Amino acid sequence: MARRYGEAYWTKEQPIEVKTKRVWLSYFPQAGKLQLATYFKKDGEDIRAKVVTLDQEDIALHPEARDLILRALEDWR
């Protein structure tokens, strides 16, 4: 299957990552992607599950989505 924009961004860029007890966040600044995933351990290795990717271009095109994300982050401060 051909990729829409060429090589997969996660193979070209090392993400900035943070893991909490339940969520694994991976930020790819060059690609404009933020991944949020649940994860579990298998054979001593962390395995991602249920990955959601927020896309900078999509969020920029929908200000109401950006505003909701910013509101949630501010409320949680």
C-alpha atoms as a PDB file:
ATOM      1  CA  MET A   1       0.000   0.000   0.000  1.00  0.00           C
ATOM      2  CA  ALA A   2       1.465   3.365  -1.021  1.00  0.00           C
ATOM      3  CA  ARG A   3       1.735   6.030   1.642  1.00  0.00           C
ATOM      4  CA  ARG A   4      -0.043   9.319   1.090  1.00  0.00           C
ATOM      5  CA  TYR A   5       2.937  11.523   1.959  1.00  0.00           C
ATOM      6  CA  GLY A   6       5.890   9.202   1.451  1.00  0.00           C
ATOM      7  CA  GLU A   7       7.924   7.573   4.193  1.00  0.00           C
ATOM      8  CA  ALA A   8       6.231   7.173   7.582  1.00  0.00           C
ATOM      9  CA  TYR A   9       7.071  10.096   9.890  1.00  0.00           C
ATOM     10  CA  TRP A  10       7.796   7.830  12.869  1.00  0.00           C
ATOM     11  CA  THR A  11      10.630   6.182  10.923  1.00  0.00           C
ATOM     12  CA  LYS A  12      12.251   9.532  10.010  1.00  0.00           C
ATOM     13  CA  GLU A  13      12.069  11.384  13.318  1.00  0.00           C
ATOM     14  CA  GLN A  14      12.898  10.540  16.937  1.00  0.00           C
ATOM     15  CA  PRO A  15       9.936  11.650  19.089  1.00  0.00           C
ATOM     16  CA  ILE A  16       9.985  13.492  22.383  1.00  0.00           C
ATOM     17  CA  GLU A  17       8.309  11.004  24.734  1.00  0.00           C
ATOM     18  CA  VAL A  18       6.720  10.957  28.161  1.00  0.00           C
ATOM     19  CA  LYS A  19       5.113   7.972  29.868  1.00  0.00           C
ATOM     20  CA  THR A  20       2.678   8.267  32.729  1.00  0.00           C
ATOM     21  CA  LYS A  21       1.229   5.341  34.627  1.00  0.00           C
ATOM     22  CA  ARG A  22      -1.411   4.865  31.899  1.00  0.00           C
ATOM     23  CA  VAL A  23      -0.549   7.001  28.867  1.00  0.00           C
ATOM     24  CA  TRP A  24       2.425   7.126  26.485  1.00  0.00           C
ATOM     25  CA  LEU A  25       2.765  10.485  24.715  1.00  0.00           C
ATOM     26  CA  SER A  26       5.004  10.847  21.651  1.00  0.00           C
ATOM     27  CA  TYR A  27       5.531  14.255  20.043  1.00  0.00           C
ATOM     28  CA  PHE A  28       6.949  14.492  16.520  1.00  0.00           C
ATOM     29  CA  PRO A  29       7.576  18.243  16.042  1.00  0.00           C
ATOM     30  CA  GLN A  30       8.846  18.065  12.444  1.00  0.00           C
ATOM     31  CA  ALA A  31       5.843  15.988  11.357  1.00  0.00           C
ATOM     32  CA  GLY A  32       3.361  18.000  13.428  1.00  0.00           C
ATOM     33  CA  LYS A  33       1.988  14.908  15.175  1.00  0.00           C
ATOM     34  CA  LEU A  34       1.184  14.108  18.794  1.00  0.00           C
ATOM     35  CA  GLN A  35       0.423  10.473  19.586  1.00  0.00           C
ATOM     36  CA  LEU A  36      -1.404   9.408  22.730  1.00  0.00           C
ATOM     37  CA  ALA A  37      -1.508   5.706  23.510  1.00  0.00           C
ATOM     38  CA  THR A  38      -2.349   3.321  26.269  1.00  0.00           C
ATOM     39  CA  TYR A  39       0.350   0.727  26.843  1.00  0.00           C
ATOM     40  CA  PHE A  40       1.121  -2.487  28.657  1.00  0.00           C
ATOM     41  CA  LYS A  41       4.146  -4.621  29.434  1.00  0.00           C
ATOM     42  CA  LYS A  42       4.836  -7.827  27.534  1.00  0.00           C
ATOM     43  CA  ASP A  43       8.010  -9.803  28.132  1.00  0.00           C
ATOM     44  CA  GLY A  44       9.482  -6.766  29.903  1.00  0.00           C
ATOM     45  CA  GLU A  45       8.811  -4.445  26.958  1.00  0.00           C
ATOM     46  CA  ASP A  46       6.273  -1.605  26.771  1.00  0.00           C
ATOM     47  CA  ILE A  47       3.742  -2.244  23.986  1.00  0.00           C
ATOM     48  CA  ARG A  48       1.497   0.526  22.641  1.00  0.00           C
ATOM     49  CA  ALA A  49      -2.230  -0.041  22.278  1.00  0.00           C
ATOM     50  CA  LYS A  50      -5.147   2.170  21.230  1.00  0.00           C
ATOM     51  CA  VAL A  51      -3.026   4.885  19.616  1.00  0.00           C
ATOM     52  CA  VAL A  52      -4.632   8.219  18.717  1.00  0.00           C
ATOM     53  CA  THR A  53      -2.703  10.729  16.605  1.00  0.00           C
ATOM     54  CA  LEU A  54      -3.454  14.436  16.743  1.00  0.00           C
ATOM     55  CA  ASP A  55      -2.396  16.194  13.545  1.00  0.00           C
ATOM     56  CA  GLN A  56      -1.229  19.820  13.658  1.00  0.00           C
ATOM     57  CA  GLU A  57      -2.668  20.619  10.223  1.00  0.00           C
ATOM     58  CA  ASP A  58      -6.081  19.188  11.117  1.00  0.00           C
ATOM     59  CA  ILE A  59      -6.210  21.001  14.467  1.00  0.00           C
ATOM     60  CA  ALA A  60      -5.178  24.282  12.762  1.00  0.00           C
ATOM     61  CA  LEU A  61      -8.075  23.902  10.313  1.00  0.00           C
ATOM     62  CA  HIS A  62     -10.554  23.422  13.176  1.00  0.00           C
ATOM     63  CA  PRO A  63     -10.096  26.168  15.792  1.00  0.00           C
ATOM     64  CA  GLU A  64     -12.864  24.696  17.962  1.00  0.00           C
ATOM     65  CA  ALA A  65     -10.768  21.534  18.379  1.00  0.00           C
ATOM     66  CA  ARG A  66      -7.679  23.580  19.274  1.00  0.00           C
ATOM     67  CA  ASP A  67      -9.694  25.645  21.761  1.00  0.00           C
ATOM     68  CA  LEU A  68     -11.094  22.527  23.440  1.00  0.00           C
ATOM     69  CA  ILE A  69      -7.625  20.997  23.824  1.00  0.00           C
ATOM     70  CA  LEU A  70      -6.250  24.246  25.263  1.00  0.00           C
ATOM     71  CA  ARG A  71      -9.230  24.548  27.625  1.00  0.00           C
ATOM     72  CA  ALA A  72      -8.746  21.027  28.957  1.00  0.00           C
ATOM     73  CA  LEU A  73      -5.021  21.586  29.493  1.00  0.00           C
ATOM     74  CA  GLU A  74      -5.656  24.874  31.286  1.00  0.00           C
ATOM     75  CA  ASP A  75      -8.385  23.311  33.479  1.00  0.00           C
ATOM     76  CA  TRP A  76      -6.009  20.491  34.459  1.00  0.00           C
ATOM     77  CA  ARG A  77      -3.191  22.847  35.425  1.00  0.00           C
END
